[in-house]
Amino acid sequence: MVDAREQKGEHVVTLVAGHTIHGQVLAADGSPLVGASVYCERGEKRSLMRFDELPRAVGSRASSDAEGRFHITGLPPERCTLF
């Protein structure tokens, strides 16, 4: 488990095809964010992209629940960026 409040920088998570990721979306004050849209895009985050290099969402999409928790399924075994 990675607690993003205690970490700095990027976190890389490697998954096997069809696996899931779950977590919790929190505000800066530590309170849960309800209804946050969470999804993964194939590849690494890039600041500038050409039109033909647009990232593609993979796996399911989720909205955080009353406790800020989310669950995403169907992720590929390659690098993805979580938004």
C-alpha atoms as a PDB file:
ATOM      1  CA  MET A   1       0.000   0.000   0.000  1.00  0.00           C
ATOM      2  CA  VAL A   2       1.272   3.460  -0.886  1.00  0.00           C
ATOM      3  CA  ASP A   3       0.185   6.425   1.193  1.00  0.00           C
ATOM      4  CA  ALA A   4       0.594   9.362  -1.195  1.00  0.00           C
ATOM      5  CA  ARG A   5       0.538  11.783   1.728  1.00  0.00           C
ATOM      6  CA  GLU A   6       3.883  10.364   2.851  1.00  0.00           C
ATOM      7  CA  GLN A   7       5.442  10.109  -0.628  1.00  0.00           C
ATOM      8  CA  LYS A   8       6.817  12.656  -3.077  1.00  0.00           C
ATOM      9  CA  GLY A   9       7.106  12.357  -6.854  1.00  0.00           C
ATOM     10  CA  GLU A  10       5.764   9.742  -9.248  1.00  0.00           C
ATOM     11  CA  HIS A  11       4.698   6.243  -8.205  1.00  0.00           C
ATOM     12  CA  VAL A  12       4.988   3.367 -10.671  1.00  0.00           C
ATOM     13  CA  VAL A  13       2.722   0.360 -10.159  1.00  0.00           C
ATOM     14  CA  THR A  14       3.141  -2.703 -12.403  1.00  0.00           C
ATOM     15  CA  LEU A  15       0.006  -4.824 -12.870  1.00  0.00           C
ATOM     16  CA  VAL A  16      -0.727  -8.098 -14.618  1.00  0.00           C
ATOM     17  CA  ALA A  17      -3.424  -7.971 -17.353  1.00  0.00           C
ATOM     18  CA  GLY A  18      -6.943  -7.941 -16.031  1.00  0.00           C
ATOM     19  CA  HIS A  19      -5.932  -6.900 -12.560  1.00  0.00           C
ATOM     20  CA  THR A  20      -7.396  -4.119 -10.475  1.00  0.00           C
ATOM     21  CA  ILE A  21      -6.278  -1.118  -8.531  1.00  0.00           C
ATOM     22  CA  HIS A  22      -8.120   0.509  -5.677  1.00  0.00           C
ATOM     23  CA  GLY A  23      -7.474   3.470  -3.463  1.00  0.00           C
ATOM     24  CA  GLN A  24      -8.848   6.540  -1.827  1.00  0.00           C
ATOM     25  CA  VAL A  25      -9.042  10.120  -3.101  1.00  0.00           C
ATOM     26  CA  LEU A  26      -8.388  12.668  -0.363  1.00  0.00           C
ATOM     27  CA  ALA A  27      -8.434  16.460  -0.218  1.00  0.00           C
ATOM     28  CA  ALA A  28      -5.374  18.375   0.981  1.00  0.00           C
ATOM     29  CA  ASP A  29      -6.864  18.439   4.493  1.00  0.00           C
ATOM     30  CA  GLY A  30      -7.200  14.620   4.494  1.00  0.00           C
ATOM     31  CA  SER A  31     -10.982  14.505   4.086  1.00  0.00           C
ATOM     32  CA  PRO A  32     -12.408  12.085   1.469  1.00  0.00           C
ATOM     33  CA  LEU A  33     -13.427  13.486  -1.927  1.00  0.00           C
ATOM     34  CA  VAL A  34     -16.854  12.180  -2.938  1.00  0.00           C
ATOM     35  CA  GLY A  35     -17.649  11.669  -6.642  1.00  0.00           C
ATOM     36  CA  ALA A  36     -14.113  12.176  -7.978  1.00  0.00           C
ATOM     37  CA  SER A  37     -13.672  10.680 -11.470  1.00  0.00           C
ATOM     38  CA  VAL A  38     -10.745   8.219 -11.537  1.00  0.00           C
ATOM     39  CA  TYR A  39      -9.337   6.457 -14.622  1.00  0.00           C
ATOM     40  CA  CYS A  40      -6.082   5.204 -16.156  1.00  0.00           C
ATOM     41  CA  GLU A  41      -4.491   6.133 -19.479  1.00  0.00           C
ATOM     42  CA  ARG A  42      -2.021   3.924 -21.325  1.00  0.00           C
ATOM     43  CA  GLY A  43       1.577   5.154 -21.116  1.00  0.00           C
ATOM     44  CA  GLU A  44       3.308   7.829 -19.126  1.00  0.00           C
ATOM     45  CA  LYS A  45       2.012  11.322 -18.521  1.00  0.00           C
ATOM     46  CA  ARG A  46       3.370  13.786 -21.069  1.00  0.00           C
ATOM     47  CA  SER A  47       3.108  17.553 -20.967  1.00  0.00           C
ATOM     48  CA  LEU A  48       3.080  18.021 -24.774  1.00  0.00           C
ATOM     49  CA  MET A  49       1.649  15.512 -27.253  1.00  0.00           C
ATOM     50  CA  ARG A  50       0.970  15.381 -30.952  1.00  0.00           C
ATOM     51  CA  PHE A  51      -2.602  14.595 -32.013  1.00  0.00           C
ATOM     52  CA  ASP A  52      -1.621  11.059 -33.115  1.00  0.00           C
ATOM     53  CA  GLU A  53      -0.021  10.423 -29.704  1.00  0.00           C
ATOM     54  CA  LEU A  54      -3.084  11.103 -27.573  1.00  0.00           C
ATOM     55  CA  PRO A  55      -3.255   8.722 -24.616  1.00  0.00           C
ATOM     56  CA  ARG A  56      -5.996   6.141 -24.469  1.00  0.00           C
ATOM     57  CA  ALA A  57      -8.063   5.301 -21.393  1.00  0.00           C
ATOM     58  CA  VAL A  58      -7.774   1.672 -20.323  1.00  0.00           C
ATOM     59  CA  GLY A  59      -9.685  -0.427 -17.822  1.00  0.00           C
ATOM     60  CA  SER A  60     -12.870   0.705 -16.184  1.00  0.00           C
ATOM     61  CA  ARG A  61     -13.608   4.180 -14.856  1.00  0.00           C
ATOM     62  CA  ALA A  62     -14.686   4.845 -11.313  1.00  0.00           C
ATOM     63  CA  SER A  63     -16.198   7.549  -9.160  1.00  0.00           C
ATOM     64  CA  SER A  64     -15.074   7.778  -5.560  1.00  0.00           C
ATOM     65  CA  ASP A  65     -17.688   6.813  -2.982  1.00  0.00           C
ATOM     66  CA  ALA A  66     -18.724   8.554   0.267  1.00  0.00           C
ATOM     67  CA  GLU A  67     -15.359   7.604   1.812  1.00  0.00           C
ATOM     68  CA  GLY A  68     -13.388   8.673  -1.290  1.00  0.00           C
ATOM     69  CA  ARG A  69     -12.677   5.049  -2.259  1.00  0.00           C
ATOM     70  CA  PHE A  70     -12.472   3.802  -5.861  1.00  0.00           C
ATOM     71  CA  HIS A  71     -11.931   0.464  -7.656  1.00  0.00           C
ATOM     72  CA  ILE A  72     -10.741   0.093 -11.296  1.00  0.00           C
ATOM     73  CA  THR A  73     -10.684  -3.254 -13.131  1.00  0.00           C
ATOM     74  CA  GLY A  74      -9.362  -4.613 -16.447  1.00  0.00           C
ATOM     75  CA  LEU A  75      -5.972  -2.891 -16.446  1.00  0.00           C
ATOM     76  CA  PRO A  76      -3.178  -3.989 -18.843  1.00  0.00           C
ATOM     77  CA  PRO A  77       0.301  -5.181 -17.745  1.00  0.00           C
ATOM     78  CA  GLU A  78       1.970  -2.008 -18.996  1.00  0.00           C
ATOM     79  CA  ARG A  79       2.606   1.433 -17.586  1.00  0.00           C
ATOM     80  CA  CYS A  80      -0.511   3.514 -17.037  1.00  0.00           C
ATOM     81  CA  THR A  81      -1.071   6.937 -15.542  1.00  0.00           C
ATOM     82  CA  LEU A  82      -3.817   7.242 -12.948  1.00  0.00           C
ATOM     83  CA  PHE A  83      -5.968  10.400 -13.094  1.00  0.00           C
END
